[in-house]
Structures are given as C-alpha cells and as structure tokens.
C-alpha atoms as a PDB file:
ATOM      1  CA  MET A   1     -41.188  14.878 -54.822  1.00  0.00           C
ATOM      2  CA  TYR A   2     -41.720  18.243 -56.577  1.00  0.00           C
ATOM      3  CA  THR A   3     -38.599  20.457 -56.601  1.00  0.00           C
ATOM      4  CA  LYS A   4     -39.185  24.145 -57.592  1.00  0.00           C
ATOM      5  CA  LYS A   5     -36.733  24.998 -60.471  1.00  0.00           C
ATOM      6  CA  PRO A   6     -34.179  27.636 -59.549  1.00  0.00           C
ATOM      7  CA  GLN A   7     -34.838  31.115 -61.250  1.00  0.00           C
ATOM      8  CA  VAL A   8     -32.253  32.305 -63.751  1.00  0.00           C
ATOM      9  CA  HIS A   9     -29.587  34.581 -62.521  1.00  0.00           C
ATOM     10  CA  VAL A  10     -28.150  37.341 -64.629  1.00  0.00           C
ATOM     11  CA  ASN A  11     -25.305  39.637 -63.939  1.00  0.00           C
ATOM     12  CA  GLN A  12     -25.274  43.538 -63.547  1.00  0.00           C
ATOM     13  CA  GLY A  13     -24.545  45.097 -66.899  1.00  0.00           C
ATOM     14  CA  GLU A  14     -25.590  42.160 -68.859  1.00  0.00           C
ATOM     15  CA  GLN A  15     -27.808  42.930 -71.841  1.00  0.00           C
ATOM     16  CA  LEU A  16     -31.199  41.166 -72.503  1.00  0.00           C
ATOM     17  CA  LYS A  17     -33.804  41.115 -75.391  1.00  0.00           C
ATOM     18  CA  LEU A  18     -37.428  41.203 -74.048  1.00  0.00           C
ATOM     19  CA  THR A  19     -40.924  41.862 -75.245  1.00  0.00           C
ATOM     20  CA  ILE A  20     -42.872  44.068 -72.901  1.00  0.00           C
ATOM     21  CA  LYS A  21     -46.097  42.545 -71.796  1.00  0.00           C
ATOM     22  CA  ARG A  22     -47.730  45.108 -69.695  1.00  0.00           C
ATOM     23  CA  LEU A  23     -47.300  48.210 -67.480  1.00  0.00           C
ATOM     24  CA  GLY A  24     -46.561  47.971 -63.773  1.00  0.00           C
ATOM     25  CA  ILE A  25     -48.417  50.186 -61.172  1.00  0.00           C
ATOM     26  CA  ASN A  26     -45.635  52.969 -61.419  1.00  0.00           C
ATOM     27  CA  GLY A  27     -45.923  53.013 -65.160  1.00  0.00           C
ATOM     28  CA  GLU A  28     -42.793  51.049 -65.849  1.00  0.00           C
ATOM     29  CA  GLY A  29     -42.864  48.313 -68.615  1.00  0.00           C
ATOM     30  CA  ILE A  30     -42.805  44.724 -67.485  1.00  0.00           C
ATOM     31  CA  GLY A  31     -41.314  41.826 -69.511  1.00  0.00           C
ATOM     32  CA  TYR A  32     -40.040  38.424 -68.637  1.00  0.00           C
ATOM     33  CA  TYR A  33     -36.778  36.732 -69.108  1.00  0.00           C
ATOM     34  CA  GLU A  34     -36.707  33.035 -68.458  1.00  0.00           C
ATOM     35  CA  HIS A  35     -39.979  33.366 -66.642  1.00  0.00           C
ATOM     36  CA  LYS A  36     -38.532  36.063 -64.195  1.00  0.00           C
ATOM     37  CA  LEU A  37     -40.140  39.620 -64.105  1.00  0.00           C
ATOM     38  CA  VAL A  38     -38.075  42.455 -65.651  1.00  0.00           C
ATOM     39  CA  PHE A  39     -39.047  46.000 -64.731  1.00  0.00           C
ATOM     40  CA  VAL A  40     -38.001  48.598 -67.500  1.00  0.00           C
ATOM     41  CA  PRO A  41     -38.961  52.152 -67.076  1.00  0.00           C
ATOM     42  CA  GLY A  42     -39.743  53.876 -70.244  1.00  0.00           C
ATOM     43  CA  ALA A  43     -40.719  50.685 -72.269  1.00  0.00           C
ATOM     44  CA  LEU A  44     -44.262  50.153 -73.401  1.00  0.00           C
ATOM     45  CA  PRO A  45     -46.465  47.062 -73.937  1.00  0.00           C
ATOM     46  CA  THR A  46     -45.896  45.042 -77.201  1.00  0.00           C
ATOM     47  CA  GLU A  47     -42.373  46.628 -77.685  1.00  0.00           C
ATOM     48  CA  LYS A  48     -39.356  44.464 -78.281  1.00  0.00           C
ATOM     49  CA  VAL A  49     -36.432  46.080 -76.377  1.00  0.00           C
ATOM     50  CA  VAL A  50     -32.845  45.673 -75.475  1.00  0.00           C
ATOM     51  CA  VAL A  51     -32.194  46.336 -71.752  1.00  0.00           C
ATOM     52  CA  ASN A  52     -29.245  46.663 -69.479  1.00  0.00           C
ATOM     53  CA  VAL A  53     -29.404  44.801 -66.251  1.00  0.00           C
ATOM     54  CA  ILE A  54     -29.149  47.059 -63.103  1.00  0.00           C
ATOM     55  CA  GLU A  55     -29.906  44.679 -60.597  1.00  0.00           C
ATOM     56  CA  ASP A  56     -30.984  40.945 -60.209  1.00  0.00           C
ATOM     57  CA  LEU A  57     -33.147  40.382 -57.018  1.00  0.00           C
ATOM     58  CA  HIS A  58     -34.745  37.071 -55.934  1.00  0.00           C
ATOM     59  CA  ASN A  59     -38.001  37.374 -57.569  1.00  0.00           C
ATOM     60  CA  PHE A  60     -37.339  40.002 -60.312  1.00  0.00           C
ATOM     61  CA  ILE A  61     -34.783  42.118 -62.316  1.00  0.00           C
ATOM     62  CA  ARG A  62     -34.523  45.816 -62.551  1.00  0.00           C
ATOM     63  CA  ALA A  63     -33.281  46.937 -65.898  1.00  0.00           C
ATOM     64  CA  GLU A  64     -32.806  50.312 -67.977  1.00  0.00           C
ATOM     65  CA  LEU A  65     -33.863  50.675 -71.500  1.00  0.00           C
ATOM     66  CA  VAL A  66     -31.030  50.638 -74.189  1.00  0.00           C
ATOM     67  CA  GLU A  67     -32.707  50.255 -77.501  1.00  0.00           C
ATOM     68  CA  ILE A  68     -36.365  49.827 -78.880  1.00  0.00           C
ATOM     69  CA  LEU A  69     -36.225  47.191 -81.630  1.00  0.00           C
ATOM     70  CA  ARG A  70     -39.998  47.362 -82.246  1.00  0.00           C
ATOM     71  CA  LYS A  71     -41.920  50.405 -81.185  1.00  0.00           C
ATOM     72  CA  SER A  72     -45.491  50.292 -79.726  1.00  0.00           C
ATOM     73  CA  ASP A  73     -48.144  52.077 -81.878  1.00  0.00           C
ATOM     74  CA  ASP A  74     -49.121  53.975 -78.632  1.00  0.00           C
ATOM     75  CA  ARG A  75     -45.661  55.620 -78.228  1.00  0.00           C
ATOM     76  CA  ILE A  76     -45.676  59.407 -78.608  1.00  0.00           C
ATOM     77  CA  GLN A  77     -42.892  61.886 -78.040  1.00  0.00           C
ATOM     78  CA  PRO A  78     -42.882  63.318 -74.575  1.00  0.00           C
ATOM     79  CA  VAL A  79     -43.653  66.969 -74.201  1.00  0.00           C
ATOM     80  CA  ASP A  80     -40.838  67.584 -71.639  1.00  0.00           C
ATOM     81  CA  ASP A  81     -37.180  66.753 -72.796  1.00  0.00           C
ATOM     82  CA  TYR A  82     -36.286  65.263 -69.396  1.00  0.00           C
ATOM     83  CA  ALA A  83     -39.276  63.089 -69.218  1.00  0.00           C
ATOM     84  CA  ASN A  84     -37.251  59.979 -69.506  1.00  0.00           C
ATOM     85  CA  ASP A  85     -34.559  61.202 -67.133  1.00  0.00           C
ATOM     86  CA  VAL A  86     -36.432  61.935 -63.945  1.00  0.00           C
ATOM     87  CA  GLY A  87     -39.269  60.513 -61.865  1.00  0.00           C
ATOM     88  CA  GLY A  88     -42.841  61.664 -62.103  1.00  0.00           C
ATOM     89  CA  PHE A  89     -43.196  61.686 -65.921  1.00  0.00           C
ATOM     90  CA  GLU A  90     -43.543  57.910 -66.430  1.00  0.00           C
ATOM     91  CA  LEU A  91     -46.587  58.016 -68.746  1.00  0.00           C
ATOM     92  CA  GLU A  92     -45.594  61.020 -70.944  1.00  0.00           C
ATOM     93  CA  ASN A  93     -44.456  58.715 -73.702  1.00  0.00           C
ATOM     94  CA  LEU A  94     -47.829  56.980 -73.778  1.00  0.00           C
ATOM     95  CA  ALA A  95     -50.851  58.101 -75.910  1.00  0.00           C
ATOM     96  CA  TYR A  96     -53.349  59.923 -73.592  1.00  0.00           C
ATOM     97  CA  ASP A  97     -56.403  57.569 -74.267  1.00  0.00           C
ATOM     98  CA  LYS A  98     -54.070  54.606 -73.239  1.00  0.00           C
ATOM     99  CA  GLN A  99     -52.936  56.450 -70.125  1.00  0.00           C
ATOM    100  CA  LEU A 100     -56.705  56.709 -69.103  1.00  0.00           C
ATOM    101  CA  THR A 101     -57.182  53.019 -69.787  1.00  0.00           C
ATOM    102  CA  PHE A 102     -54.052  52.208 -67.808  1.00  0.00           C
ATOM    103  CA  LYS A 103     -55.428  54.183 -64.716  1.00  0.00           C
ATOM    104  CA  ARG A 104     -58.625  52.319 -65.001  1.00  0.00           C
ATOM    105  CA  ASP A 105     -56.853  49.030 -65.085  1.00  0.00           C
ATOM    106  CA  VAL A 106     -54.822  49.842 -61.989  1.00  0.00           C
ATOM    107  CA  ILE A 107     -57.889  50.272 -60.014  1.00  0.00           C
ATOM    108  CA  LYS A 108     -59.613  46.983 -61.486  1.00  0.00           C
ATOM    109  CA  ASP A 109     -56.518  45.075 -60.635  1.00  0.00           C
ATOM    110  CA  SER A 110     -56.172  46.416 -57.188  1.00  0.00           C
ATOM    111  CA  LEU A 111     -59.827  45.615 -56.378  1.00  0.00           C
ATOM    112  CA  GLU A 112     -59.293  42.056 -57.690  1.00  0.00           C
ATOM    113  CA  LYS A 113     -56.149  41.773 -55.492  1.00  0.00           C
ATOM    114  CA  TYR A 114     -57.307  43.084 -52.237  1.00  0.00           C
ATOM    115  CA  LYS A 115     -60.990  42.165 -52.368  1.00  0.00           C
ATOM    116  CA  PRO A 116     -62.585  44.873 -50.353  1.00  0.00           C
ATOM    117  CA  ALA A 117     -66.041  44.088 -49.158  1.00  0.00           C
ATOM    118  CA  GLY A 118     -68.643  44.284 -52.008  1.00  0.00           C
ATOM    119  CA  TYR A 119     -66.046  45.166 -54.642  1.00  0.00           C
ATOM    120  CA  ARG A 120     -67.659  42.686 -57.162  1.00  0.00           C
ATOM    121  CA  LYS A 121     -70.659  45.066 -57.241  1.00  0.00           C
ATOM    122  CA  TYR A 122     -68.629  48.026 -58.003  1.00  0.00           C
ATOM    123  CA  LYS A 123     -69.245  49.583 -61.482  1.00  0.00           C
ATOM    124  CA  LEU A 124     -65.895  50.784 -62.856  1.00  0.00           C
ATOM    125  CA  ARG A 125     -66.438  53.312 -65.633  1.00  0.00           C
ATOM    126  CA  ALA A 126     -63.994  54.724 -68.038  1.00  0.00           C
ATOM    127  CA  THR A 127     -61.522  57.256 -66.664  1.00  0.00           C
ATOM    128  CA  ILE A 128     -62.500  60.791 -67.166  1.00  0.00           C
ATOM    129  CA  GLY A 129     -59.856  62.654 -69.067  1.00  0.00           C
ATOM    130  CA  MET A 130     -58.997  66.277 -69.814  1.00  0.00           C
ATOM    131  CA  GLU A 131     -59.489  68.225 -72.985  1.00  0.00           C
ATOM    132  CA  HIS A 132     -56.003  69.479 -72.746  1.00  0.00           C
ATOM    133  CA  PRO A 133     -53.787  67.201 -70.416  1.00  0.00           C
ATOM    134  CA  VAL A 134     -51.237  69.786 -69.625  1.00  0.00           C
ATOM    135  CA  HIS A 135     -50.445  72.251 -66.809  1.00  0.00           C
ATOM    136  CA  TYR A 136     -52.625  70.392 -64.411  1.00  0.00           C
ATOM    137  CA  ARG A 137     -50.295  69.886 -61.407  1.00  0.00           C
ATOM    138  CA  ASN A 138     -50.714  72.809 -58.956  1.00  0.00           C
ATOM    139  CA  LYS A 139     -47.877  71.805 -56.468  1.00  0.00           C
ATOM    140  CA  ALA A 140     -44.300  71.390 -57.236  1.00  0.00           C
ATOM    141  CA  THR A 141     -41.775  69.887 -54.755  1.00  0.00           C
ATOM    142  CA  PHE A 142     -38.301  70.526 -56.130  1.00  0.00           C
ATOM    143  CA  GLN A 143     -34.936  69.621 -54.474  1.00  0.00           C
ATOM    144  CA  VAL A 144     -32.590  72.558 -54.242  1.00  0.00           C
ATOM    145  CA  ARG A 145     -28.879  72.144 -54.751  1.00  0.00           C
ATOM    146  CA  SER A 146     -25.804  73.978 -56.349  1.00  0.00           C
ATOM    147  CA  ASP A 147     -24.213  72.582 -59.496  1.00  0.00           C
ATOM    148  CA  GLY A 148     -21.003  74.527 -58.499  1.00  0.00           C
ATOM    149  CA  GLU A 149     -21.799  77.802 -60.382  1.00  0.00           C
ATOM    150  CA  LYS A 150     -25.467  78.554 -59.404  1.00  0.00           C
ATOM    151  CA  VAL A 151     -28.469  77.225 -57.481  1.00  0.00           C
ATOM    152  CA  ILE A 152     -30.634  74.745 -59.307  1.00  0.00           C
ATOM    153  CA  ALA A 153     -34.030  73.109 -58.368  1.00  0.00           C
ATOM    154  CA  GLY A 154     -35.729  70.117 -59.767  1.00  0.00           C
ATOM    155  CA  LEU A 155     -36.170  66.332 -59.470  1.00  0.00           C
ATOM    156  CA  TYR A 156     -33.705  63.582 -58.924  1.00  0.00           C
ATOM    157  CA  LYS A 157     -32.382  61.672 -61.949  1.00  0.00           C
ATOM    158  CA  HIS A 158     -33.456  58.045 -62.092  1.00  0.00           C
ATOM    159  CA  ARG A 159     -31.468  55.835 -59.542  1.00  0.00           C
ATOM    160  CA  SER A 160     -29.399  58.646 -58.293  1.00  0.00           C
ATOM    161  CA  HIS A 161     -29.439  61.669 -56.007  1.00  0.00           C
ATOM    162  CA  THR A 162     -28.408  63.970 -58.952  1.00  0.00           C
ATOM    163  CA  VAL A 163     -30.822  66.753 -59.283  1.00  0.00           C
ATOM    164  CA  VAL A 164     -31.884  67.783 -62.745  1.00  0.00           C
ATOM    165  CA  ASP A 165     -32.607  71.387 -63.045  1.00  0.00           C
ATOM    166  CA  LEU A 166     -36.252  71.885 -64.265  1.00  0.00           C
ATOM    167  CA  LYS A 167     -36.701  75.333 -65.714  1.00  0.00           C
ATOM    168  CA  THR A 168     -40.045  74.309 -67.435  1.00  0.00           C
ATOM    169  CA  SER A 169     -42.617  71.642 -67.026  1.00  0.00           C
ATOM    170  CA  ALA A 170     -45.574  70.923 -69.287  1.00  0.00           C
ATOM    171  CA  LEU A 171     -47.289  69.117 -66.449  1.00  0.00           C
ATOM    172  CA  GLN A 172     -47.008  71.875 -63.860  1.00  0.00           C
ATOM    173  CA  TYR A 173     -49.351  74.777 -63.486  1.00  0.00           C
ATOM    174  CA  PRO A 174     -47.536  77.887 -65.091  1.00  0.00           C
ATOM    175  CA  LEU A 175     -47.785  79.928 -62.031  1.00  0.00           C
ATOM    176  CA  THR A 176     -46.061  77.351 -59.861  1.00  0.00           C
ATOM    177  CA  MET A 177     -43.080  77.274 -62.285  1.00  0.00           C
ATOM    178  CA  LYS A 178     -42.982  81.025 -62.427  1.00  0.00           C
ATOM    179  CA  VAL A 179     -42.837  81.203 -58.591  1.00  0.00           C
ATOM    180  CA  MET A 180     -40.407  78.333 -58.177  1.00  0.00           C
ATOM    181  CA  ARG A 181     -37.859  79.833 -60.601  1.00  0.00           C
ATOM    182  CA  ALA A 182     -38.084  83.332 -59.120  1.00  0.00           C
ATOM    183  CA  VAL A 183     -37.613  81.970 -55.613  1.00  0.00           C
ATOM    184  CA  VAL A 184     -34.643  79.755 -56.757  1.00  0.00           C
ATOM    185  CA  ALA A 185     -33.239  83.017 -58.313  1.00  0.00           C
ATOM    186  CA  ILE A 186     -33.596  84.933 -55.121  1.00  0.00           C
ATOM    187  CA  ILE A 187     -31.971  82.203 -53.088  1.00  0.00           C
ATOM    188  CA  ASP A 188     -29.063  82.197 -55.602  1.00  0.00           C
ATOM    189  CA  GLU A 189     -28.576  86.043 -55.632  1.00  0.00           C
ATOM    190  CA  LEU A 190     -28.778  86.252 -51.741  1.00  0.00           C
ATOM    191  CA  GLY A 191     -26.173  83.495 -51.542  1.00  0.00           C
ATOM    192  CA  ILE A 192     -28.212  81.459 -48.991  1.00  0.00           C
ATOM    193  CA  PRO A 193     -26.571  78.110 -48.440  1.00  0.00           C
ATOM    194  CA  VAL A 194     -28.310  75.139 -50.028  1.00  0.00           C
ATOM    195  CA  TYR A 195     -28.049  71.545 -49.016  1.00  0.00           C
ATOM    196  CA  ASP A 196     -25.108  69.446 -49.928  1.00  0.00           C
ATOM    197  CA  GLU A 197     -25.987  65.818 -49.467  1.00  0.00           C
ATOM    198  CA  GLU A 198     -22.490  64.374 -49.429  1.00  0.00           C
ATOM    199  CA  LYS A 199     -21.412  66.769 -46.596  1.00  0.00           C
ATOM    200  CA  ASN A 200     -24.695  66.997 -44.939  1.00  0.00           C
ATOM    201  CA  ALA A 201     -24.195  70.722 -44.919  1.00  0.00           C
ATOM    202  CA  GLY A 202     -26.125  73.688 -46.170  1.00  0.00           C
ATOM    203  CA  ILE A 203     -29.602  74.964 -45.197  1.00  0.00           C
ATOM    204  CA  ILE A 204     -32.272  74.822 -47.869  1.00  0.00           C
ATOM    205  CA  LYS A 205     -33.069  71.383 -49.001  1.00  0.00           C
ATOM    206  CA  THR A 206     -36.423  71.542 -50.840  1.00  0.00           C
ATOM    207  CA  VAL A 207     -38.810  74.192 -51.966  1.00  0.00           C
ATOM    208  CA  VAL A 208     -42.502  73.437 -52.285  1.00  0.00           C
ATOM    209  CA  VAL A 209     -44.703  75.742 -54.328  1.00  0.00           C
ATOM    210  CA  ARG A 210     -48.584  75.195 -54.395  1.00  0.00           C
ATOM    211  CA  ALA A 211     -50.996  77.354 -56.205  1.00  0.00           C
ATOM    212  CA  ALA A 212     -54.787  77.591 -56.092  1.00  0.00           C
ATOM    213  CA  THR A 213     -55.712  77.559 -59.611  1.00  0.00           C
ATOM    214  CA  ALA A 214     -59.013  79.474 -59.108  1.00  0.00           C
ATOM    215  CA  THR A 215     -57.614  82.388 -57.368  1.00  0.00           C
ATOM    216  CA  ASP A 216     -53.896  82.212 -58.362  1.00  0.00           C
ATOM    217  CA  GLN A 217     -52.933  82.509 -54.844  1.00  0.00           C
ATOM    218  CA  VAL A 218     -49.519  80.797 -53.899  1.00  0.00           C
ATOM    219  CA  GLN A 219     -48.011  79.090 -50.867  1.00  0.00           C
ATOM    220  CA  VAL A 220     -44.265  78.668 -50.523  1.00  0.00           C
ATOM    221  CA  THR A 221     -42.614  76.287 -48.121  1.00  0.00           C
ATOM    222  CA  PHE A 222     -38.977  76.051 -47.508  1.00  0.00           C
ATOM    223  CA  ILE A 223     -37.716  72.678 -46.130  1.00  0.00           C
ATOM    224  CA  THR A 224     -34.500  73.279 -44.276  1.00  0.00           C
ATOM    225  CA  GLN A 225     -31.747  71.502 -42.549  1.00  0.00           C
ATOM    226  CA  SER A 226     -31.988  73.765 -39.512  1.00  0.00           C
ATOM    227  CA  LYS A 227     -34.360  76.244 -38.133  1.00  0.00           C
ATOM    228  CA  LYS A 228     -31.937  79.081 -38.510  1.00  0.00           C
ATOM    229  CA  LEU A 229     -31.807  80.445 -42.060  1.00  0.00           C
ATOM    230  CA  LEU A 230     -29.274  82.963 -43.063  1.00  0.00           C
ATOM    231  CA  LYS A 231     -30.683  86.239 -44.721  1.00  0.00           C
ATOM    232  CA  LYS A 232     -34.291  85.088 -43.813  1.00  0.00           C
ATOM    233  CA  ARG A 233     -35.337  88.754 -43.667  1.00  0.00           C
ATOM    234  CA  GLN A 234     -33.978  89.671 -47.023  1.00  0.00           C
ATOM    235  CA  LEU A 235     -35.449  86.539 -48.443  1.00  0.00           C
ATOM    236  CA  LEU A 236     -39.097  87.380 -47.183  1.00  0.00           C
ATOM    237  CA  GLU A 237     -38.678  91.018 -48.184  1.00  0.00           C
ATOM    238  CA  ARG A 238     -37.686  89.958 -51.838  1.00  0.00           C
ATOM    239  CA  ILE A 239     -40.628  87.500 -52.153  1.00  0.00           C
ATOM    240  CA  ALA A 240     -43.161  90.014 -50.774  1.00  0.00           C
ATOM    241  CA  ALA A 241     -41.965  92.791 -53.185  1.00  0.00           C
ATOM    242  CA  GLU A 242     -41.396  90.607 -56.253  1.00  0.00           C
ATOM    243  CA  LEU A 243     -44.138  87.939 -56.004  1.00  0.00           C
ATOM    244  CA  PRO A 244     -47.477  89.432 -54.800  1.00  0.00           C
ATOM    245  CA  GLU A 245     -49.314  86.240 -55.686  1.00  0.00           C
ATOM    246  CA  VAL A 246     -47.441  84.548 -52.795  1.00  0.00           C
ATOM    247  CA  VAL A 247     -49.804  84.881 -49.764  1.00  0.00           C
ATOM    248  CA  SER A 248     -48.298  82.330 -47.369  1.00  0.00           C
ATOM    249  CA  ILE A 249     -44.659  81.373 -46.687  1.00  0.00           C
ATOM    250  CA  MET A 250     -43.741  78.653 -44.285  1.00  0.00           C
ATOM    251  CA  GLN A 251     -40.590  76.574 -43.108  1.00  0.00           C
ATOM    252  CA  ASN A 252     -40.480  73.038 -42.370  1.00  0.00           C
ATOM    253  CA  VAL A 253     -37.356  71.573 -40.562  1.00  0.00           C
ATOM    254  CA  ASN A 254     -36.041  68.238 -41.579  1.00  0.00           C
ATOM    255  CA  PRO A 255     -32.434  67.878 -40.263  1.00  0.00           C
ATOM    256  CA  GLY A 256     -30.029  65.233 -41.403  1.00  0.00           C
ATOM    257  CA  LYS A 257     -29.867  62.661 -44.144  1.00  0.00           C
ATOM    258  CA  THR A 258     -33.220  61.113 -44.894  1.00  0.00           C
ATOM    259  CA  SER A 259     -35.372  59.872 -47.693  1.00  0.00           C
ATOM    260  CA  LEU A 260     -38.286  61.703 -46.171  1.00  0.00           C
ATOM    261  CA  ILE A 261     -39.053  65.144 -47.659  1.00  0.00           C
ATOM    262  CA  TRP A 262     -41.093  66.588 -44.708  1.00  0.00           C
ATOM    263  CA  GLY A 263     -39.785  66.917 -41.092  1.00  0.00           C
ATOM    264  CA  PRO A 264     -41.774  67.222 -37.925  1.00  0.00           C
ATOM    265  CA  LYS A 265     -41.712  70.937 -37.185  1.00  0.00           C
ATOM    266  CA  LEU A 266     -43.496  73.568 -39.201  1.00  0.00           C
ATOM    267  CA  PHE A 267     -43.077  77.336 -38.730  1.00  0.00           C
ATOM    268  CA  ILE A 268     -45.216  80.047 -40.331  1.00  0.00           C
ATOM    269  CA  TRP A 269     -43.198  82.898 -41.578  1.00  0.00           C
ATOM    270  CA  LEU A 270     -45.837  85.086 -43.433  1.00  0.00           C
ATOM    271  CA  VAL A 271     -49.524  85.015 -44.168  1.00  0.00           C
ATOM    272  CA  ARG A 272     -51.041  87.915 -46.112  1.00  0.00           C
ATOM    273  CA  LYS A 273     -54.289  86.170 -46.975  1.00  0.00           C
ATOM    274  CA  ARG A 274     -55.866  82.894 -46.478  1.00  0.00           C
ATOM    275  CA  LEU A 275     -55.051  80.555 -49.441  1.00  0.00           C
ATOM    276  CA  ARG A 276     -58.387  79.948 -51.215  1.00  0.00           C
ATOM    277  CA  LYS A 277     -58.642  76.998 -53.478  1.00  0.00           C
ATOM    278  CA  PHE A 278     -61.921  77.793 -54.940  1.00  0.00           C
END
C-alpha cells in the first residue's frame, strides 16, 4: 500500500539555502526545500539565496531573503529606496523586458489552469510595454498615521502594520504625490487626529488621491473611522485655496479594526468640476 511521505518541517528562524526556480503570481521568488515550496519576496529566478524561515505551513514555507549568493543577470537596482520594504513594488528589481514576459506568463498559466471555454484558440501576444515605465500609477492609496512627532502617509512594511512614510515614488504620477504630500501636511498642521490602530482611536485612516492624467484634475477621498471629522471646514478651505487641481473631495466611513480599506458609506464634500479622465 502506498503511503505518502511526510513533508519536511522547518522551524521559524531557521536559515535555508535555495535556488529560485520561478516567480509566483505576486512577483515573489519560488524555490524548493526538500520538495516543499518556499516563497521568498525579492528573490529572482536562477538566484541562489539564503533565506530565513518566517512560517512553515502544511504545503509551503514563507521566508525572507537574507543573502543572495548568486545574482540573476536580470536583477537591477530598484528606483525607489523602499521598494524591498513595502508591498506594491515587487518587480522593481527585475529588468523591464523580463517584467513584461512575466506578466504574459501569468495570463498563460491562468488560462491553462482554469481552462475557460475556447482558451486553446486564444492568441497570446507579447505584452506591450511603455517607453518610459515610470510615473504611470494615477491613484495612490496611503495609510495615514502618526510617528509620534508628525503625520505620515505611505504603505505598510512587509508582514507588519507599520507604515513607511513615502515622500516620493517613481511609479506614481507626480501630481498624485504632490497632492498627497500637501494634504498630509495640512492634516498635520491642523492637528486633525489620525488613526491609531492599537488603540482603535483617531479619525483619518487613509487618504486616496486619484488624478486624471489627461486633464490633471484630482479627486481626494478621506477614509475615516467616523463620520464626524474635527476641523473639516478648515481642511476643505485649505485644500480649495492651496490645491486648485483638486476638483472633488469625498469621505468614506469605515469604522473599527478591519483589513478592508473601504467602508459602506460615502459622502460627497465638494465637487468643483466633473473629473474628466480624457
């Protein structure tokens, strides 16, 4: 009678040596340890690496990159200094032509896995890239917190709820970053309470800035713990006076501790013009 061989077990904090075989759908490197999948964010195919085990689950291991013993020829220096620290920048260390190939492969693998009707007749062409693959994201969704001295806004550090303050981003459209930083500065100067996750207190949780790249019109949405917002009038007056490109301001209410960014209730504060994308 055939008996399935038990999979290897490793301990948290244990270090392993791996060769990365491919990329996962989220851009993380995938290697194998004793035939068990190991997911390593920041590692690239063909690289030989040392990793630190974070978690050993039934079918796979999560690990963090400690050292690259043999680099991939396709590895490049990320444009953003924090690219390896936060989510959303997983492919910045991979040569752009290889990024395009990877994206095509994700579609190909998905079609072969889920087999939609007629998929074998689909003609998959090469991914169309950009001449200058920077500043193409026209929406920024940044968590807003206090670092004890000032209000900061950015993305979560990997595997944590610690917000990394992003003052620049090579991927974001420059106008979204300009408005984001200005709005955060206004919140700080007015002393509006921002969210404290540990205490489940404060008001402003998240700021979302969306720009229409053809018209340079901007929409700002404040995601808050409660509908009531201290110094709302002053906030609106400052934005209207200092940021004429902002044509729409909204509030989304999402109370309590939750992994969801958006809540069920949306309120329109200000509409100066209809946001035109084209």
